[in-house]
Amino acid sequence: MNLQVAETKVEEQQMEKEEDEKTKVKKGPHLVNLNEDPQLSGVIVHSVAKPQTTIGQLKAKPQPAIALSGLR
């Protein structure tokens, strides 16, 4: 029984750590995906840590730090 309690505590700590990391990302500059389906919006969160970050097409010169693409 002690093993089950220990495993549960470890799982809870891991979940708390993941939630803390998500909160940290959302406090600073970040990009979040939008979708017409509300359940798919906010699934992808990209943290922007540098003071200046270029965003653009993958084939752009110079190549951006964050490349955007989509279906054509």
PDB file of N, CA and C in Angstrom:
ATOM      1  N   MET A   1       0.807  -1.183   0.000  1.00  0.00           N
ATOM      2  CA  MET A   1       0.000   0.000   0.000  1.00  0.00           C
ATOM      3  C   MET A   1       0.865   1.268   0.000  1.00  0.00           C
ATOM      4  N   ASN A   2       1.980   1.256   0.669  1.00  0.00           N
ATOM      5  CA  ASN A   2       2.882   2.403   0.691  1.00  0.00           C
ATOM      6  C   ASN A   2       3.418   2.718  -0.695  1.00  0.00           C
ATOM      7  N   LEU A   3       3.608   1.687  -1.505  1.00  0.00           N
ATOM      8  CA  LEU A   3       4.087   1.872  -2.869  1.00  0.00           C
ATOM      9  C   LEU A   3       3.057   2.647  -3.695  1.00  0.00           C
ATOM     10  N   GLN A   4       1.793   2.335  -3.531  1.00  0.00           N
ATOM     11  CA  GLN A   4       0.728   3.031  -4.254  1.00  0.00           C
ATOM     12  C   GLN A   4       0.652   4.503  -3.842  1.00  0.00           C
ATOM     13  N   VAL A   5       0.808   4.767  -2.570  1.00  0.00           N
ATOM     14  CA  VAL A   5       0.785   6.146  -2.074  1.00  0.00           C
ATOM     15  C   VAL A   5       1.966   6.923  -2.657  1.00  0.00           C
ATOM     16  N   ALA A   6       3.131   6.302  -2.680  1.00  0.00           N
ATOM     17  CA  ALA A   6       4.327   6.953  -3.222  1.00  0.00           C
ATOM     18  C   ALA A   6       4.153   7.228  -4.716  1.00  0.00           C
ATOM     19  N   GLU A   7       3.596   6.272  -5.457  1.00  0.00           N
ATOM     20  CA  GLU A   7       3.381   6.456  -6.887  1.00  0.00           C
ATOM     21  C   GLU A   7       2.380   7.585  -7.145  1.00  0.00           C
ATOM     22  N   THR A   8       1.352   7.655  -6.337  1.00  0.00           N
ATOM     23  CA  THR A   8       0.348   8.715  -6.479  1.00  0.00           C
ATOM     24  C   THR A   8       0.969  10.081  -6.220  1.00  0.00           C
ATOM     25  N   LYS A   9       1.828  10.180  -5.202  1.00  0.00           N
ATOM     26  CA  LYS A   9       2.481  11.452  -4.897  1.00  0.00           C
ATOM     27  C   LYS A   9       3.402  11.880  -6.033  1.00  0.00           C
ATOM     28  N   VAL A  10       4.123  10.930  -6.603  1.00  0.00           N
ATOM     29  CA  VAL A  10       5.024  11.234  -7.720  1.00  0.00           C
ATOM     30  C   VAL A  10       4.214  11.733  -8.918  1.00  0.00           C
ATOM     31  N   GLU A  11       3.098  11.089  -9.203  1.00  0.00           N
ATOM     32  CA  GLU A  11       2.239  11.511 -10.315  1.00  0.00           C
ATOM     33  C   GLU A  11       1.688  12.921 -10.074  1.00  0.00           C
ATOM     34  N   GLU A  12       1.275  13.202  -8.854  1.00  0.00           N
ATOM     35  CA  GLU A  12       0.756  14.526  -8.521  1.00  0.00           C
ATOM     36  C   GLU A  12       1.835  15.589  -8.682  1.00  0.00           C
ATOM     37  N   GLN A  13       3.057  15.282  -8.252  1.00  0.00           N
ATOM     38  CA  GLN A  13       4.159  16.223  -8.383  1.00  0.00           C
ATOM     39  C   GLN A  13       4.480  16.491  -9.851  1.00  0.00           C
ATOM     40  N   GLN A  14       4.426  15.452 -10.679  1.00  0.00           N
ATOM     41  CA  GLN A  14       4.685  15.623 -12.104  1.00  0.00           C
ATOM     42  C   GLN A  14       3.618  16.503 -12.747  1.00  0.00           C
ATOM     43  N   MET A  15       2.360  16.296 -12.368  1.00  0.00           N
ATOM     44  CA  MET A  15       1.268  17.098 -12.910  1.00  0.00           C
ATOM     45  C   MET A  15       1.411  18.560 -12.500  1.00  0.00           C
ATOM     46  N   GLU A  16       1.790  18.796 -11.244  1.00  0.00           N
ATOM     47  CA  GLU A  16       1.995  20.160 -10.756  1.00  0.00           C
ATOM     48  C   GLU A  16       3.143  20.836 -11.510  1.00  0.00           C
ATOM     49  N   LYS A  17       4.210  20.096 -11.750  1.00  0.00           N
ATOM     50  CA  LYS A  17       5.360  20.636 -12.474  1.00  0.00           C
ATOM     51  C   LYS A  17       4.954  21.025 -13.898  1.00  0.00           C
ATOM     52  N   GLU A  18       4.176  20.168 -14.567  1.00  0.00           N
ATOM     53  CA  GLU A  18       3.717  20.464 -15.927  1.00  0.00           C
ATOM     54  C   GLU A  18       2.840  21.713 -15.936  1.00  0.00           C
ATOM     55  N   GLU A  19       1.964  21.842 -14.958  1.00  0.00           N
ATOM     56  CA  GLU A  19       1.093  23.016 -14.875  1.00  0.00           C
ATOM     57  C   GLU A  19       1.915  24.283 -14.627  1.00  0.00           C
ATOM     58  N   ASP A  20       2.940  24.187 -13.781  1.00  0.00           N
ATOM     59  CA  ASP A  20       3.815  25.334 -13.510  1.00  0.00           C
ATOM     60  C   ASP A  20       4.534  25.780 -14.781  1.00  0.00           C
ATOM     61  N   GLU A  21       5.016  24.802 -15.577  1.00  0.00           N
ATOM     62  CA  GLU A  21       5.712  25.123 -16.819  1.00  0.00           C
ATOM     63  C   GLU A  21       4.764  25.801 -17.803  1.00  0.00           C
ATOM     64  N   LYS A  22       3.523  25.321 -17.895  1.00  0.00           N
ATOM     65  CA  LYS A  22       2.543  25.933 -18.788  1.00  0.00           C
ATOM     66  C   LYS A  22       2.248  27.371 -18.355  1.00  0.00           C
ATOM     67  N   THR A  23       2.162  27.596 -17.065  1.00  0.00           N
ATOM     68  CA  THR A  23       1.884  28.936 -16.545  1.00  0.00           C
ATOM     69  C   THR A  23       3.039  29.873 -16.860  1.00  0.00           C
ATOM     70  N   LYS A  24       4.280  29.404 -16.710  1.00  0.00           N
ATOM     71  CA  LYS A  24       5.448  30.230 -17.006  1.00  0.00           C
ATOM     72  C   LYS A  24       5.453  30.651 -18.462  1.00  0.00           C
ATOM     73  N   VAL A  25       5.142  29.725 -19.362  1.00  0.00           N
ATOM     74  CA  VAL A  25       5.136  30.024 -20.791  1.00  0.00           C
ATOM     75  C   VAL A  25       4.092  31.088 -21.101  1.00  0.00           C
ATOM     76  N   LYS A  26       2.919  30.986 -20.514  1.00  0.00           N
ATOM     77  CA  LYS A  26       1.839  31.911 -20.817  1.00  0.00           C
ATOM     78  C   LYS A  26       2.018  33.285 -20.181  1.00  0.00           C
ATOM     79  N   LYS A  27       2.930  33.429 -19.236  1.00  0.00           N
ATOM     80  CA  LYS A  27       3.171  34.728 -18.614  1.00  0.00           C
ATOM     81  C   LYS A  27       4.062  35.602 -19.492  1.00  0.00           C
ATOM     82  N   GLY A  28       4.983  35.001 -20.215  1.00  0.00           N
ATOM     83  CA  GLY A  28       5.884  35.751 -21.077  1.00  0.00           C
ATOM     84  C   GLY A  28       5.335  35.824 -22.491  1.00  0.00           C
ATOM     85  N   PRO A  29       6.103  36.424 -23.414  1.00  0.00           N
ATOM     86  CA  PRO A  29       5.663  36.495 -24.801  1.00  0.00           C
ATOM     87  C   PRO A  29       5.519  35.090 -25.392  1.00  0.00           C
ATOM     88  N   HIS A  30       4.400  34.864 -26.086  1.00  0.00           N
ATOM     89  CA  HIS A  30       4.161  33.541 -26.641  1.00  0.00           C
ATOM     90  C   HIS A  30       3.170  33.611 -27.798  1.00  0.00           C
ATOM     91  N   LEU A  31       3.182  32.574 -28.616  1.00  0.00           N
ATOM     92  CA  LEU A  31       2.238  32.419 -29.723  1.00  0.00           C
ATOM     93  C   LEU A  31       1.336  31.236 -29.406  1.00  0.00           C
ATOM     94  N   VAL A  32       0.058  31.376 -29.726  1.00  0.00           N
ATOM     95  CA  VAL A  32      -0.912  30.306 -29.468  1.00  0.00           C
ATOM     96  C   VAL A  32      -1.704  30.066 -30.739  1.00  0.00           C
ATOM     97  N   ASN A  33      -1.938  28.789 -31.076  1.00  0.00           N
ATOM     98  CA  ASN A  33      -2.706  28.497 -32.283  1.00  0.00           C
ATOM     99  C   ASN A  33      -4.185  28.787 -32.085  1.00  0.00           C
ATOM    100  N   LEU A  34      -4.828  29.192 -33.174  1.00  0.00           N
ATOM    101  CA  LEU A  34      -6.270  29.413 -33.194  1.00  0.00           C
ATOM    102  C   LEU A  34      -6.886  28.459 -34.210  1.00  0.00           C
ATOM    103  N   ASN A  35      -8.068  27.955 -33.896  1.00  0.00           N
ATOM    104  CA  ASN A  35      -8.751  27.034 -34.783  1.00  0.00           C
ATOM    105  C   ASN A  35     -10.238  27.299 -34.707  1.00  0.00           C
ATOM    106  N   GLU A  36     -10.961  27.006 -35.788  1.00  0.00           N
ATOM    107  CA  GLU A  36     -12.412  27.205 -35.726  1.00  0.00           C
ATOM    108  C   GLU A  36     -13.057  26.243 -34.744  1.00  0.00           C
ATOM    109  N   ASP A  37     -12.402  25.127 -34.469  1.00  0.00           N
ATOM    110  CA  ASP A  37     -12.870  24.188 -33.450  1.00  0.00           C
ATOM    111  C   ASP A  37     -12.280  24.621 -32.102  1.00  0.00           C
ATOM    112  N   PRO A  38     -13.105  25.069 -31.162  1.00  0.00           N
ATOM    113  CA  PRO A  38     -12.586  25.566 -29.878  1.00  0.00           C
ATOM    114  C   PRO A  38     -11.733  24.561 -29.114  1.00  0.00           C
ATOM    115  N   GLN A  39     -11.974  23.283 -29.321  1.00  0.00           N
ATOM    116  CA  GLN A  39     -11.182  22.277 -28.600  1.00  0.00           C
ATOM    117  C   GLN A  39      -9.760  22.192 -29.135  1.00  0.00           C
ATOM    118  N   LEU A  40      -9.543  22.672 -30.350  1.00  0.00           N
ATOM    119  CA  LEU A  40      -8.199  22.631 -30.931  1.00  0.00           C
ATOM    120  C   LEU A  40      -7.443  23.943 -30.757  1.00  0.00           C
ATOM    121  N   SER A  41      -8.126  25.006 -30.369  1.00  0.00           N
ATOM    122  CA  SER A  41      -7.457  26.280 -30.110  1.00  0.00           C
ATOM    123  C   SER A  41      -6.682  26.206 -28.800  1.00  0.00           C
ATOM    124  N   GLY A  42      -5.484  26.780 -28.814  1.00  0.00           N
ATOM    125  CA  GLY A  42      -4.661  26.805 -27.607  1.00  0.00           C
ATOM    126  C   GLY A  42      -3.908  25.523 -27.349  1.00  0.00           C
ATOM    127  N   VAL A  43      -3.944  24.590 -28.298  1.00  0.00           N
ATOM    128  CA  VAL A  43      -3.245  23.310 -28.111  1.00  0.00           C
ATOM    129  C   VAL A  43      -1.742  23.501 -28.267  1.00  0.00           C
ATOM    130  N   ILE A  44      -1.346  24.374 -29.191  1.00  0.00           N
ATOM    131  CA  ILE A  44       0.071  24.625 -29.439  1.00  0.00           C
ATOM    132  C   ILE A  44       0.427  25.988 -28.842  1.00  0.00           C
ATOM    133  N   VAL A  45       1.399  25.998 -27.958  1.00  0.00           N
ATOM    134  CA  VAL A  45       1.877  27.244 -27.354  1.00  0.00           C
ATOM    135  C   VAL A  45       3.381  27.294 -27.574  1.00  0.00           C
ATOM    136  N   HIS A  46       3.849  28.381 -28.211  1.00  0.00           N
ATOM    137  CA  HIS A  46       5.269  28.531 -28.506  1.00  0.00           C
ATOM    138  C   HIS A  46       5.793  29.747 -27.755  1.00  0.00           C
ATOM    139  N   SER A  47       6.719  29.522 -26.857  1.00  0.00           N
ATOM    140  CA  SER A  47       7.309  30.601 -26.077  1.00  0.00           C
ATOM    141  C   SER A  47       8.332  31.355 -26.922  1.00  0.00           C
ATOM    142  N   VAL A  48       8.341  32.672 -26.813  1.00  0.00           N
ATOM    143  CA  VAL A  48       9.301  33.511 -27.519  1.00  0.00           C
ATOM    144  C   VAL A  48      10.204  34.125 -26.458  1.00  0.00           C
ATOM    145  N   ALA A  49      11.393  33.567 -26.312  1.00  0.00           N
ATOM    146  CA  ALA A  49      12.276  33.952 -25.211  1.00  0.00           C
ATOM    147  C   ALA A  49      13.241  35.083 -25.569  1.00  0.00           C
ATOM    148  N   LYS A  50      13.608  35.193 -26.843  1.00  0.00           N
ATOM    149  CA  LYS A  50      14.586  36.198 -27.239  1.00  0.00           C
ATOM    150  C   LYS A  50      13.940  37.579 -27.283  1.00  0.00           C
ATOM    151  N   PRO A  51      14.745  38.639 -27.081  1.00  0.00           N
ATOM    152  CA  PRO A  51      14.182  39.988 -27.141  1.00  0.00           C
ATOM    153  C   PRO A  51      13.653  40.335 -28.540  1.00  0.00           C
ATOM    154  N   GLN A  52      14.287  39.789 -29.584  1.00  0.00           N
ATOM    155  CA  GLN A  52      13.827  40.038 -30.949  1.00  0.00           C
ATOM    156  C   GLN A  52      13.780  38.701 -31.674  1.00  0.00           C
ATOM    157  N   THR A  53      12.623  38.352 -32.205  1.00  0.00           N
ATOM    158  CA  THR A  53      12.439  37.085 -32.890  1.00  0.00           C
ATOM    159  C   THR A  53      11.795  37.350 -34.244  1.00  0.00           C
ATOM    160  N   THR A  54      12.395  36.800 -35.306  1.00  0.00           N
ATOM    161  CA  THR A  54      11.813  36.966 -36.637  1.00  0.00           C
ATOM    162  C   THR A  54      10.823  35.837 -36.910  1.00  0.00           C
ATOM    163  N   ILE A  55       9.708  36.209 -37.547  1.00  0.00           N
ATOM    164  CA  ILE A  55       8.659  35.258 -37.887  1.00  0.00           C
ATOM    165  C   ILE A  55       8.344  35.437 -39.358  1.00  0.00           C
ATOM    166  N   GLY A  56       8.246  34.327 -40.100  1.00  0.00           N
ATOM    167  CA  GLY A  56       7.934  34.444 -41.526  1.00  0.00           C
ATOM    168  C   GLY A  56       7.873  33.097 -42.205  1.00  0.00           C
ATOM    169  N   GLN A  57       7.913  33.145 -43.528  1.00  0.00           N
ATOM    170  CA  GLN A  57       7.865  31.915 -44.317  1.00  0.00           C
ATOM    171  C   GLN A  57       9.192  31.183 -44.231  1.00  0.00           C
ATOM    172  N   LEU A  58       9.137  29.865 -44.367  1.00  0.00           N
ATOM    173  CA  LEU A  58      10.334  29.029 -44.270  1.00  0.00           C
ATOM    174  C   LEU A  58      11.357  29.385 -45.343  1.00  0.00           C
ATOM    175  N   LYS A  59      10.899  29.772 -46.529  1.00  0.00           N
ATOM    176  CA  LYS A  59      11.801  30.058 -47.651  1.00  0.00           C
ATOM    177  C   LYS A  59      12.328  31.492 -47.646  1.00  0.00           C
ATOM    178  N   ALA A  60      11.954  32.300 -46.667  1.00  0.00           N
ATOM    179  CA  ALA A  60      12.374  33.699 -46.617  1.00  0.00           C
ATOM    180  C   ALA A  60      13.877  33.812 -46.397  1.00  0.00           C
ATOM    181  N   LYS A  61      14.444  34.915 -46.899  1.00  0.00           N
ATOM    182  CA  LYS A  61      15.858  35.203 -46.706  1.00  0.00           C
ATOM    183  C   LYS A  61      15.945  36.484 -45.894  1.00  0.00           C
ATOM    184  N   PRO A  62      16.602  36.559 -44.787  1.00  0.00           N
ATOM    185  CA  PRO A  62      17.162  35.449 -44.026  1.00  0.00           C
ATOM    186  C   PRO A  62      16.054  34.586 -43.419  1.00  0.00           C
ATOM    187  N   GLN A  63      16.414  33.347 -43.145  1.00  0.00           N
ATOM    188  CA  GLN A  63      15.442  32.403 -42.613  1.00  0.00           C
ATOM    189  C   GLN A  63      14.977  32.851 -41.219  1.00  0.00           C
ATOM    190  N   PRO A  64      13.668  32.894 -40.996  1.00  0.00           N
ATOM    191  CA  PRO A  64      13.157  33.356 -39.703  1.00  0.00           C
ATOM    192  C   PRO A  64      13.404  32.338 -38.588  1.00  0.00           C
ATOM    193  N   ALA A  65      13.390  32.813 -37.368  1.00  0.00           N
ATOM    194  CA  ALA A  65      13.536  31.921 -36.213  1.00  0.00           C
ATOM    195  C   ALA A  65      12.288  31.042 -36.062  1.00  0.00           C
ATOM    196  N   ILE A  66      11.125  31.613 -36.388  1.00  0.00           N
ATOM    197  CA  ILE A  66       9.874  30.857 -36.336  1.00  0.00           C
ATOM    198  C   ILE A  66       9.269  30.897 -37.727  1.00  0.00           C
ATOM    199  N   ALA A  67       9.163  29.718 -38.354  1.00  0.00           N
ATOM    200  CA  ALA A  67       8.626  29.621 -39.706  1.00  0.00           C
ATOM    201  C   ALA A  67       7.145  29.237 -39.638  1.00  0.00           C
ATOM    202  N   LEU A  68       6.322  30.013 -40.356  1.00  0.00           N
ATOM    203  CA  LEU A  68       4.884  29.735 -40.404  1.00  0.00           C
ATOM    204  C   LEU A  68       4.553  29.076 -41.739  1.00  0.00           C
ATOM    205  N   SER A  69       3.690  28.106 -41.696  1.00  0.00           N
ATOM    206  CA  SER A  69       3.233  27.454 -42.922  1.00  0.00           C
ATOM    207  C   SER A  69       1.809  26.961 -42.690  1.00  0.00           C
ATOM    208  N   GLY A  70       1.200  26.511 -43.746  1.00  0.00           N
ATOM    209  CA  GLY A  70      -0.159  26.011 -43.619  1.00  0.00           C
ATOM    210  C   GLY A  70      -0.532  25.216 -44.863  1.00  0.00           C
ATOM    211  N   LEU A  71      -1.770  24.790 -44.913  1.00  0.00           N
ATOM    212  CA  LEU A  71      -2.247  24.054 -46.066  1.00  0.00           C
ATOM    213  C   LEU A  71      -2.456  25.013 -47.222  1.00  0.00           C
ATOM    214  N   ARG A  72      -2.214  24.541 -48.412  1.00  0.00           N
ATOM    215  CA  ARG A  72      -2.430  25.373 -49.611  1.00  0.00           C
ATOM    216  C   ARG A  72      -3.489  24.767 -50.453  1.00  0.00           C
TER     217      ARG A  72
END
